[in-house]
């Protein structure tokens, strides 16, 4: 019985793994302007025109460190600003990234 339960848990583990990206218009996680979440990798995703180049703080989480977020300054995911595998919480962006995020990708 224990073997069956362990096998079942291993089979559904990838389905439980998740990621989430929250971008905020103000430092200190205030005024959420973007939220995305998922259970698998995601190709280049451009922020909407009203959201682009406005993020000043962010939350990124990746259950079990299975996913990596890569932030870009261009909508075509070519000019990388930073990346993280695992949780990444920035109450205030660096000068390089502040008001400069235009797109992102999620890798696994």
C-alpha atoms as a PDB file:
ATOM      1  CA  UNK A   1       0.000   0.000   0.000  1.00  0.00           C
ATOM      2  CA  UNK A   2       2.831   2.422   0.856  1.00  0.00           C
ATOM      3  CA  UNK A   3       4.453   1.776  -2.518  1.00  0.00           C
ATOM      4  CA  UNK A   4       1.202   2.612  -4.339  1.00  0.00           C
ATOM      5  CA  UNK A   5       0.786   5.878  -2.415  1.00  0.00           C
ATOM      6  CA  UNK A   6       4.417   6.878  -2.972  1.00  0.00           C
ATOM      7  CA  UNK A   7       4.132   6.129  -6.691  1.00  0.00           C
ATOM      8  CA  UNK A   8       0.923   8.144  -6.953  1.00  0.00           C
ATOM      9  CA  UNK A   9       2.518  11.114  -5.187  1.00  0.00           C
ATOM     10  CA  UNK A  10       5.511  11.041  -7.518  1.00  0.00           C
ATOM     11  CA  UNK A  11       3.205  10.894 -10.527  1.00  0.00           C
ATOM     12  CA  UNK A  12       1.241  14.008  -9.542  1.00  0.00           C
ATOM     13  CA  UNK A  13       4.178  16.033  -8.149  1.00  0.00           C
ATOM     14  CA  UNK A  14       4.800  17.876 -11.448  1.00  0.00           C
ATOM     15  CA  UNK A  15       1.127  18.875 -11.548  1.00  0.00           C
ATOM     16  CA  UNK A  16       1.379  20.443  -8.095  1.00  0.00           C
ATOM     17  CA  UNK A  17       4.480  22.459  -8.825  1.00  0.00           C
ATOM     18  CA  UNK A  18       3.627  26.047  -9.593  1.00  0.00           C
ATOM     19  CA  UNK A  19       5.019  29.515 -10.132  1.00  0.00           C
ATOM     20  CA  UNK A  20       3.687  33.028  -9.768  1.00  0.00           C
ATOM     21  CA  UNK A  21       4.862  36.494 -10.764  1.00  0.00           C
ATOM     22  CA  UNK A  22       3.484  39.676  -9.184  1.00  0.00           C
ATOM     23  CA  UNK A  23       4.641  43.110 -10.350  1.00  0.00           C
ATOM     24  CA  UNK A  24       3.826  46.285  -8.448  1.00  0.00           C
ATOM     25  CA  UNK A  25       3.772  49.924  -9.531  1.00  0.00           C
ATOM     26  CA  UNK A  26       5.220  51.158  -6.234  1.00  0.00           C
ATOM     27  CA  UNK A  27       8.004  50.060  -3.892  1.00  0.00           C
ATOM     28  CA  UNK A  28       7.055  47.825  -0.988  1.00  0.00           C
ATOM     29  CA  UNK A  29       4.643  45.633  -2.982  1.00  0.00           C
ATOM     30  CA  UNK A  30       1.986  48.320  -3.424  1.00  0.00           C
ATOM     31  CA  UNK A  31      -0.405  48.812  -6.350  1.00  0.00           C
ATOM     32  CA  UNK A  32      -0.290  45.448  -8.163  1.00  0.00           C
ATOM     33  CA  UNK A  33      -0.134  45.959 -11.923  1.00  0.00           C
ATOM     34  CA  UNK A  34       0.592  42.426 -13.187  1.00  0.00           C
ATOM     35  CA  UNK A  35      -0.044  38.891 -12.033  1.00  0.00           C
ATOM     36  CA  UNK A  36       0.619  35.643 -13.819  1.00  0.00           C
ATOM     37  CA  UNK A  37       0.835  32.067 -12.609  1.00  0.00           C
ATOM     38  CA  UNK A  38       1.211  28.614 -14.058  1.00  0.00           C
ATOM     39  CA  UNK A  39       2.305  25.017 -13.788  1.00  0.00           C
ATOM     40  CA  UNK A  40       4.650  24.812 -16.775  1.00  0.00           C
ATOM     41  CA  UNK A  41       7.233  26.841 -18.634  1.00  0.00           C
ATOM     42  CA  UNK A  42       6.070  29.871 -20.595  1.00  0.00           C
ATOM     43  CA  UNK A  43       7.649  31.490 -23.619  1.00  0.00           C
ATOM     44  CA  UNK A  44       8.371  35.167 -24.057  1.00  0.00           C
ATOM     45  CA  UNK A  45       5.484  37.168 -22.619  1.00  0.00           C
ATOM     46  CA  UNK A  46       5.358  40.899 -23.268  1.00  0.00           C
ATOM     47  CA  UNK A  47       3.712  43.034 -20.624  1.00  0.00           C
ATOM     48  CA  UNK A  48       0.741  45.081 -21.755  1.00  0.00           C
ATOM     49  CA  UNK A  49       1.500  48.631 -22.874  1.00  0.00           C
ATOM     50  CA  UNK A  50      -0.153  50.019 -19.735  1.00  0.00           C
ATOM     51  CA  UNK A  51       2.056  47.843 -17.496  1.00  0.00           C
ATOM     52  CA  UNK A  52       5.351  47.899 -19.378  1.00  0.00           C
ATOM     53  CA  UNK A  53       8.212  49.857 -17.790  1.00  0.00           C
ATOM     54  CA  UNK A  54       6.235  50.582 -14.608  1.00  0.00           C
ATOM     55  CA  UNK A  55       7.296  47.872 -12.115  1.00  0.00           C
ATOM     56  CA  UNK A  56       9.089  49.092  -9.006  1.00  0.00           C
ATOM     57  CA  UNK A  57       8.753  45.962  -6.836  1.00  0.00           C
ATOM     58  CA  UNK A  58       7.933  42.288  -7.358  1.00  0.00           C
ATOM     59  CA  UNK A  59       7.229  38.881  -5.865  1.00  0.00           C
ATOM     60  CA  UNK A  60       8.287  35.714  -7.689  1.00  0.00           C
ATOM     61  CA  UNK A  61       7.706  32.255  -6.293  1.00  0.00           C
ATOM     62  CA  UNK A  62       8.547  28.864  -7.668  1.00  0.00           C
ATOM     63  CA  UNK A  63       7.431  25.821  -5.728  1.00  0.00           C
ATOM     64  CA  UNK A  64      10.388  23.515  -5.128  1.00  0.00           C
ATOM     65  CA  UNK A  65      12.614  25.788  -7.252  1.00  0.00           C
ATOM     66  CA  UNK A  66      11.384  23.993 -10.365  1.00  0.00           C
ATOM     67  CA  UNK A  67      10.939  27.171 -12.412  1.00  0.00           C
ATOM     68  CA  UNK A  68      13.091  30.155 -13.294  1.00  0.00           C
ATOM     69  CA  UNK A  69      11.861  33.635 -14.185  1.00  0.00           C
ATOM     70  CA  UNK A  70      13.909  35.756 -16.582  1.00  0.00           C
ATOM     71  CA  UNK A  71      13.075  39.468 -16.826  1.00  0.00           C
ATOM     72  CA  UNK A  72      13.797  41.533 -19.944  1.00  0.00           C
ATOM     73  CA  UNK A  73      13.929  45.215 -20.864  1.00  0.00           C
ATOM     74  CA  UNK A  74      12.541  44.599 -24.357  1.00  0.00           C
ATOM     75  CA  UNK A  75       9.245  43.054 -25.461  1.00  0.00           C
ATOM     76  CA  UNK A  76      11.064  40.409 -27.536  1.00  0.00           C
ATOM     77  CA  UNK A  77      12.952  38.940 -24.538  1.00  0.00           C
ATOM     78  CA  UNK A  78      16.394  39.930 -25.812  1.00  0.00           C
ATOM     79  CA  UNK A  79      17.833  42.366 -23.232  1.00  0.00           C
ATOM     80  CA  UNK A  80      18.036  40.461 -19.941  1.00  0.00           C
ATOM     81  CA  UNK A  81      17.652  42.337 -16.657  1.00  0.00           C
ATOM     82  CA  UNK A  82      17.826  39.428 -14.215  1.00  0.00           C
ATOM     83  CA  UNK A  83      16.794  35.877 -13.419  1.00  0.00           C
ATOM     84  CA  UNK A  84      15.982  33.696 -10.452  1.00  0.00           C
ATOM     85  CA  UNK A  85      15.261  30.052  -9.772  1.00  0.00           C
ATOM     86  CA  UNK A  86      13.318  29.814  -6.548  1.00  0.00           C
ATOM     87  CA  UNK A  87      11.654  32.624  -4.638  1.00  0.00           C
ATOM     88  CA  UNK A  88      12.672  36.215  -5.393  1.00  0.00           C
ATOM     89  CA  UNK A  89      11.153  39.111  -3.480  1.00  0.00           C
ATOM     90  CA  UNK A  90      12.195  42.662  -4.302  1.00  0.00           C
ATOM     91  CA  UNK A  91      10.546  45.407  -2.238  1.00  0.00           C
ATOM     92  CA  UNK A  92      12.461  47.859  -4.430  1.00  0.00           C
ATOM     93  CA  UNK A  93      13.966  47.175  -7.852  1.00  0.00           C
ATOM     94  CA  UNK A  94      17.567  47.927  -8.728  1.00  0.00           C
ATOM     95  CA  UNK A  95      18.209  51.021 -10.824  1.00  0.00           C
ATOM     96  CA  UNK A  96      18.754  48.728 -13.814  1.00  0.00           C
ATOM     97  CA  UNK A  97      15.345  47.032 -13.538  1.00  0.00           C
ATOM     98  CA  UNK A  98      13.179  49.739 -11.961  1.00  0.00           C
ATOM     99  CA  UNK A  99      10.564  50.923 -14.468  1.00  0.00           C
ATOM    100  CA  UNK A 100      12.326  48.893 -17.154  1.00  0.00           C
ATOM    101  CA  UNK A 101      10.630  45.455 -17.319  1.00  0.00           C
ATOM    102  CA  UNK A 102       8.934  44.873 -20.667  1.00  0.00           C
ATOM    103  CA  UNK A 103       8.710  41.062 -20.837  1.00  0.00           C
ATOM    104  CA  UNK A 104       9.594  37.783 -19.143  1.00  0.00           C
ATOM    105  CA  UNK A 105      10.017  34.053 -19.743  1.00  0.00           C
ATOM    106  CA  UNK A 106       9.482  31.127 -17.411  1.00  0.00           C
ATOM    107  CA  UNK A 107      11.950  28.247 -17.796  1.00  0.00           C
ATOM    108  CA  UNK A 108      12.066  24.877 -16.084  1.00  0.00           C
END
